[in-house]
Amino acid sequence: MPLPLAIASWLYPLGVVAVVLWVVALVDLFRRWSDLDRRQHSAWLLLIVLVPIVGSILYLTQRAR
């Protein structure tokens, strides 16, 4: 059964935003490889991969500047 147009019209843009946010967090994490120790890097990587939206938002808001 297809989704109603009103719901489907919101799901696609939200999915695109979620994927972009996830990719930005992962790229930033790997660019800052030398700034973090092994435990911090592993913890952030697991959080971002296992809980993509929440993990990405937490990483991007809580990372050290």
PDB file of N, CA and C in Angstrom:
ATOM      1  N   MET A   1       0.842  -1.178   0.000  1.00  0.00           N
ATOM      2  CA  MET A   1       0.000   0.000   0.000  1.00  0.00           C
ATOM      3  C   MET A   1       0.893   1.249   0.000  1.00  0.00           C
ATOM      4  N   PRO A   2       0.753   2.104  -0.988  1.00  0.00           N
ATOM      5  CA  PRO A   2       1.600   3.294  -1.066  1.00  0.00           C
ATOM      6  C   PRO A   2       1.264   4.295   0.045  1.00  0.00           C
ATOM      7  N   LEU A   3       2.290   5.059   0.428  1.00  0.00           N
ATOM      8  CA  LEU A   3       2.089   6.090   1.432  1.00  0.00           C
ATOM      9  C   LEU A   3       1.299   7.255   0.842  1.00  0.00           C
ATOM     10  N   PRO A   4       0.486   7.895   1.652  1.00  0.00           N
ATOM     11  CA  PRO A   4      -0.187   9.099   1.160  1.00  0.00           C
ATOM     12  C   PRO A   4       0.846  10.153   0.754  1.00  0.00           C
ATOM     13  N   LEU A   5       0.482  10.939  -0.205  1.00  0.00           N
ATOM     14  CA  LEU A   5       1.399  11.933  -0.762  1.00  0.00           C
ATOM     15  C   LEU A   5       1.897  12.908   0.300  1.00  0.00           C
ATOM     16  N   ALA A   6       1.063  13.283   1.248  1.00  0.00           N
ATOM     17  CA  ALA A   6       1.467  14.233   2.283  1.00  0.00           C
ATOM     18  C   ALA A   6       2.592  13.666   3.139  1.00  0.00           C
ATOM     19  N   ILE A   7       2.536  12.383   3.440  1.00  0.00           N
ATOM     20  CA  ILE A   7       3.584  11.761   4.248  1.00  0.00           C
ATOM     21  C   ILE A   7       4.834  11.538   3.402  1.00  0.00           C
ATOM     22  N   ALA A   8       4.679  11.035   2.215  1.00  0.00           N
ATOM     23  CA  ALA A   8       5.819  10.746   1.343  1.00  0.00           C
ATOM     24  C   ALA A   8       6.588  12.013   0.983  1.00  0.00           C
ATOM     25  N   SER A   9       5.909  13.132   0.863  1.00  0.00           N
ATOM     26  CA  SER A   9       6.581  14.373   0.495  1.00  0.00           C
ATOM     27  C   SER A   9       7.499  14.875   1.606  1.00  0.00           C
ATOM     28  N   TRP A  10       7.269  14.457   2.853  1.00  0.00           N
ATOM     29  CA  TRP A  10       8.137  14.837   3.963  1.00  0.00           C
ATOM     30  C   TRP A  10       9.242  13.820   4.210  1.00  0.00           C
ATOM     31  N   LEU A  11       8.998  12.565   3.898  1.00  0.00           N
ATOM     32  CA  LEU A  11       9.973  11.528   4.191  1.00  0.00           C
ATOM     33  C   LEU A  11      11.231  11.647   3.332  1.00  0.00           C
ATOM     34  N   TYR A  12      11.084  11.936   2.074  1.00  0.00           N
ATOM     35  CA  TYR A  12      12.245  12.020   1.193  1.00  0.00           C
ATOM     36  C   TYR A  12      13.210  13.134   1.616  1.00  0.00           C
ATOM     37  N   PRO A  13      12.760  14.362   1.812  1.00  0.00           N
ATOM     38  CA  PRO A  13      13.706  15.407   2.233  1.00  0.00           C
ATOM     39  C   PRO A  13      14.327  15.124   3.603  1.00  0.00           C
ATOM     40  N   LEU A  14      13.567  14.567   4.523  1.00  0.00           N
ATOM     41  CA  LEU A  14      14.125  14.243   5.834  1.00  0.00           C
ATOM     42  C   LEU A  14      15.181  13.146   5.723  1.00  0.00           C
ATOM     43  N   GLY A  15      14.959  12.195   4.850  1.00  0.00           N
ATOM     44  CA  GLY A  15      15.950  11.147   4.627  1.00  0.00           C
ATOM     45  C   GLY A  15      17.228  11.699   4.032  1.00  0.00           C
ATOM     46  N   VAL A  16      17.100  12.611   3.093  1.00  0.00           N
ATOM     47  CA  VAL A  16      18.274  13.235   2.477  1.00  0.00           C
ATOM     48  C   VAL A  16      19.054  14.034   3.525  1.00  0.00           C
ATOM     49  N   VAL A  17      18.360  14.783   4.355  1.00  0.00           N
ATOM     50  CA  VAL A  17      19.015  15.566   5.414  1.00  0.00           C
ATOM     51  C   VAL A  17      19.726  14.631   6.393  1.00  0.00           C
ATOM     52  N   ALA A  18      19.098  13.516   6.748  1.00  0.00           N
ATOM     53  CA  ALA A  18      19.699  12.559   7.680  1.00  0.00           C
ATOM     54  C   ALA A  18      20.971  11.960   7.096  1.00  0.00           C
ATOM     55  N   VAL A  19      20.952  11.608   5.831  1.00  0.00           N
ATOM     56  CA  VAL A  19      22.137  11.020   5.193  1.00  0.00           C
ATOM     57  C   VAL A  19      23.253  12.053   5.089  1.00  0.00           C
ATOM     58  N   VAL A  20      22.930  13.275   4.728  1.00  0.00           N
ATOM     59  CA  VAL A  20      23.945  14.331   4.631  1.00  0.00           C
ATOM     60  C   VAL A  20      24.554  14.601   6.007  1.00  0.00           C
ATOM     61  N   LEU A  21      23.726  14.666   7.032  1.00  0.00           N
ATOM     62  CA  LEU A  21      24.209  14.885   8.393  1.00  0.00           C
ATOM     63  C   LEU A  21      25.136  13.755   8.831  1.00  0.00           C
ATOM     64  N   TRP A  22      24.774  12.526   8.509  1.00  0.00           N
ATOM     65  CA  TRP A  22      25.569  11.351   8.858  1.00  0.00           C
ATOM     66  C   TRP A  22      26.927  11.392   8.152  1.00  0.00           C
ATOM     67  N   VAL A  23      26.933  11.715   6.875  1.00  0.00           N
ATOM     68  CA  VAL A  23      28.180  11.778   6.106  1.00  0.00           C
ATOM     69  C   VAL A  23      29.070  12.909   6.619  1.00  0.00           C
ATOM     70  N   VAL A  24      28.493  14.057   6.918  1.00  0.00           N
ATOM     71  CA  VAL A  24      29.278  15.185   7.431  1.00  0.00           C
ATOM     72  C   VAL A  24      29.935  14.815   8.758  1.00  0.00           C
ATOM     73  N   ALA A  25      29.197  14.155   9.635  1.00  0.00           N
ATOM     74  CA  ALA A  25      29.756  13.754  10.929  1.00  0.00           C
ATOM     75  C   ALA A  25      30.892  12.748  10.741  1.00  0.00           C
ATOM     76  N   LEU A  26      30.708  11.771   9.876  1.00  0.00           N
ATOM     77  CA  LEU A  26      31.760  10.775   9.650  1.00  0.00           C
ATOM     78  C   LEU A  26      33.004  11.398   9.023  1.00  0.00           C
ATOM     79  N   VAL A  27      32.822  12.260   8.039  1.00  0.00           N
ATOM     80  CA  VAL A  27      33.968  12.914   7.396  1.00  0.00           C
ATOM     81  C   VAL A  27      34.715  13.778   8.405  1.00  0.00           C
ATOM     82  N   ASP A  28      33.989  14.525   9.220  1.00  0.00           N
ATOM     83  CA  ASP A  28      34.623  15.375  10.226  1.00  0.00           C
ATOM     84  C   ASP A  28      35.370  14.530  11.252  1.00  0.00           C
ATOM     85  N   LEU A  29      34.792  13.413  11.651  1.00  0.00           N
ATOM     86  CA  LEU A  29      35.446  12.527  12.608  1.00  0.00           C
ATOM     87  C   LEU A  29      36.767  12.010  12.054  1.00  0.00           C
ATOM     88  N   PHE A  30      36.794  11.605  10.802  1.00  0.00           N
ATOM     89  CA  PHE A  30      38.026  11.089  10.221  1.00  0.00           C
ATOM     90  C   PHE A  30      39.030  12.195   9.900  1.00  0.00           C
ATOM     91  N   ARG A  31      38.569  13.409   9.673  1.00  0.00           N
ATOM     92  CA  ARG A  31      39.488  14.531   9.449  1.00  0.00           C
ATOM     93  C   ARG A  31      40.179  14.929  10.745  1.00  0.00           C
ATOM     94  N   ARG A  32      39.519  14.698  11.878  1.00  0.00           N
ATOM     95  CA  ARG A  32      40.074  15.058  13.183  1.00  0.00           C
ATOM     96  C   ARG A  32      40.751  13.858  13.842  1.00  0.00           C
ATOM     97  N   TRP A  33      41.271  12.953  13.056  1.00  0.00           N
ATOM     98  CA  TRP A  33      41.855  11.708  13.552  1.00  0.00           C
ATOM     99  C   TRP A  33      42.924  11.969  14.623  1.00  0.00           C
ATOM    100  N   SER A  34      43.805  12.910  14.407  1.00  0.00           N
ATOM    101  CA  SER A  34      44.914  13.140  15.335  1.00  0.00           C
ATOM    102  C   SER A  34      44.491  13.921  16.575  1.00  0.00           C
ATOM    103  N   ASP A  35      43.343  14.589  16.539  1.00  0.00           N
ATOM    104  CA  ASP A  35      42.892  15.376  17.686  1.00  0.00           C
ATOM    105  C   ASP A  35      42.310  14.510  18.797  1.00  0.00           C
ATOM    106  N   LEU A  36      41.829  13.320  18.473  1.00  0.00           N
ATOM    107  CA  LEU A  36      41.177  12.460  19.444  1.00  0.00           C
ATOM    108  C   LEU A  36      42.053  11.254  19.751  1.00  0.00           C
ATOM    109  N   ASP A  37      41.949  10.744  20.977  1.00  0.00           N
ATOM    110  CA  ASP A  37      42.667   9.507  21.257  1.00  0.00           C
ATOM    111  C   ASP A  37      41.839   8.322  20.758  1.00  0.00           C
ATOM    112  N   ARG A  38      42.400   7.151  20.842  1.00  0.00           N
ATOM    113  CA  ARG A  38      41.779   5.955  20.254  1.00  0.00           C
ATOM    114  C   ARG A  38      40.404   5.654  20.868  1.00  0.00           C
ATOM    115  N   ARG A  39      40.282   5.803  22.175  1.00  0.00           N
ATOM    116  CA  ARG A  39      38.995   5.514  22.833  1.00  0.00           C
ATOM    117  C   ARG A  39      37.908   6.488  22.410  1.00  0.00           C
ATOM    118  N   GLN A  40      38.247   7.766  22.392  1.00  0.00           N
ATOM    119  CA  GLN A  40      37.261   8.762  21.971  1.00  0.00           C
ATOM    120  C   GLN A  40      36.842   8.535  20.523  1.00  0.00           C
ATOM    121  N   HIS A  41      37.808   8.274  19.678  1.00  0.00           N
ATOM    122  CA  HIS A  41      37.517   8.057  18.267  1.00  0.00           C
ATOM    123  C   HIS A  41      36.615   6.848  18.087  1.00  0.00           C
ATOM    124  N   SER A  42      36.916   5.757  18.771  1.00  0.00           N
ATOM    125  CA  SER A  42      36.104   4.539  18.670  1.00  0.00           C
ATOM    126  C   SER A  42      34.693   4.759  19.211  1.00  0.00           C
ATOM    127  N   ALA A  43      34.589   5.454  20.318  1.00  0.00           N
ATOM    128  CA  ALA A  43      33.277   5.705  20.912  1.00  0.00           C
ATOM    129  C   ALA A  43      32.407   6.555  19.988  1.00  0.00           C
ATOM    130  N   TRP A  44      32.984   7.626  19.443  1.00  0.00           N
ATOM    131  CA  TRP A  44      32.214   8.471  18.524  1.00  0.00           C
ATOM    132  C   TRP A  44      31.830   7.707  17.266  1.00  0.00           C
ATOM    133  N   LEU A  45      32.752   6.916  16.750  1.00  0.00           N
ATOM    134  CA  LEU A  45      32.464   6.150  15.538  1.00  0.00           C
ATOM    135  C   LEU A  45      31.318   5.170  15.773  1.00  0.00           C
ATOM    136  N   LEU A  46      31.345   4.448  16.885  1.00  0.00           N
ATOM    137  CA  LEU A  46      30.262   3.517  17.205  1.00  0.00           C
ATOM    138  C   LEU A  46      28.935   4.247  17.376  1.00  0.00           C
ATOM    139  N   LEU A  47      28.957   5.372  18.070  1.00  0.00           N
ATOM    140  CA  LEU A  47      27.724   6.123  18.281  1.00  0.00           C
ATOM    141  C   LEU A  47      27.149   6.630  16.957  1.00  0.00           C
ATOM    142  N   ILE A  48      28.000   7.147  16.092  1.00  0.00           N
ATOM    143  CA  ILE A  48      27.527   7.683  14.816  1.00  0.00           C
ATOM    144  C   ILE A  48      27.009   6.573  13.908  1.00  0.00           C
ATOM    145  N   VAL A  49      27.656   5.417  13.911  1.00  0.00           N
ATOM    146  CA  VAL A  49      27.247   4.325  13.026  1.00  0.00           C
ATOM    147  C   VAL A  49      26.018   3.597  13.555  1.00  0.00           C
ATOM    148  N   LEU A  50      25.957   3.360  14.861  1.00  0.00           N
ATOM    149  CA  LEU A  50      24.854   2.581  15.423  1.00  0.00           C
ATOM    150  C   LEU A  50      23.578   3.392  15.609  1.00  0.00           C
ATOM    151  N   VAL A  51      23.713   4.666  15.910  1.00  0.00           N
ATOM    152  CA  VAL A  51      22.552   5.550  16.087  1.00  0.00           C
ATOM    153  C   VAL A  51      22.792   6.779  15.214  1.00  0.00           C
ATOM    154  N   PRO A  52      22.581   6.653  13.906  1.00  0.00           N
ATOM    155  CA  PRO A  52      23.064   7.675  12.966  1.00  0.00           C
ATOM    156  C   PRO A  52      22.567   9.102  13.212  1.00  0.00           C
ATOM    157  N   ILE A  53      21.304   9.306  13.364  1.00  0.00           N
ATOM    158  CA  ILE A  53      20.800  10.678  13.474  1.00  0.00           C
ATOM    159  C   ILE A  53      21.186  11.293  14.815  1.00  0.00           C
ATOM    160  N   VAL A  54      20.890  10.601  15.892  1.00  0.00           N
ATOM    161  CA  VAL A  54      21.200  11.118  17.226  1.00  0.00           C
ATOM    162  C   VAL A  54      22.717  11.206  17.420  1.00  0.00           C
ATOM    163  N   GLY A  55      23.433  10.186  16.995  1.00  0.00           N
ATOM    164  CA  GLY A  55      24.885  10.194  17.131  1.00  0.00           C
ATOM    165  C   GLY A  55      25.538  11.326  16.357  1.00  0.00           C
ATOM    166  N   SER A  56      25.062  11.575  15.156  1.00  0.00           N
ATOM    167  CA  SER A  56      25.618  12.662  14.346  1.00  0.00           C
ATOM    168  C   SER A  56      25.347  14.018  14.970  1.00  0.00           C
ATOM    169  N   ILE A  57      24.128  14.212  15.452  1.00  0.00           N
ATOM    170  CA  ILE A  57      23.786  15.485  16.085  1.00  0.00           C
ATOM    171  C   ILE A  57      24.614  15.686  17.346  1.00  0.00           C
ATOM    172  N   LEU A  58      24.733  14.636  18.168  1.00  0.00           N
ATOM    173  CA  LEU A  58      25.543  14.747  19.383  1.00  0.00           C
ATOM    174  C   LEU A  58      27.003  15.045  19.051  1.00  0.00           C
ATOM    175  N   TYR A  59      27.543  14.349  18.075  1.00  0.00           N
ATOM    176  CA  TYR A  59      28.945  14.580  17.715  1.00  0.00           C
ATOM    177  C   TYR A  59      29.160  16.016  17.241  1.00  0.00           C
ATOM    178  N   LEU A  60      28.306  16.480  16.355  1.00  0.00           N
ATOM    179  CA  LEU A  60      28.506  17.812  15.792  1.00  0.00           C
ATOM    180  C   LEU A  60      28.265  18.921  16.805  1.00  0.00           C
ATOM    181  N   THR A  61      27.451  18.672  17.825  1.00  0.00           N
ATOM    182  CA  THR A  61      27.202  19.709  18.831  1.00  0.00           C
ATOM    183  C   THR A  61      28.147  19.623  20.024  1.00  0.00           C
ATOM    184  N   GLN A  62      28.678  18.433  20.328  1.00  0.00           N
ATOM    185  CA  GLN A  62      29.478  18.252  21.534  1.00  0.00           C
ATOM    186  C   GLN A  62      30.972  18.131  21.280  1.00  0.00           C
ATOM    187  N   ARG A  63      31.386  18.129  20.047  1.00  0.00           N
ATOM    188  CA  ARG A  63      32.811  17.965  19.754  1.00  0.00           C
ATOM    189  C   ARG A  63      33.598  19.173  20.254  1.00  0.00           C
ATOM    190  N   ALA A  64      34.842  18.947  20.566  1.00  0.00           N
ATOM    191  CA  ALA A  64      35.704  20.041  20.995  1.00  0.00           C
ATOM    192  C   ALA A  64      36.028  20.915  19.784  1.00  0.00           C
ATOM    193  N   ARG A  65      35.983  22.168  19.948  1.00  0.00           N
ATOM    194  CA  ARG A  65      36.215  23.096  18.827  1.00  0.00           C
ATOM    195  C   ARG A  65      37.651  23.200  18.499  1.00  0.00           C
TER     196      ARG A  65
END
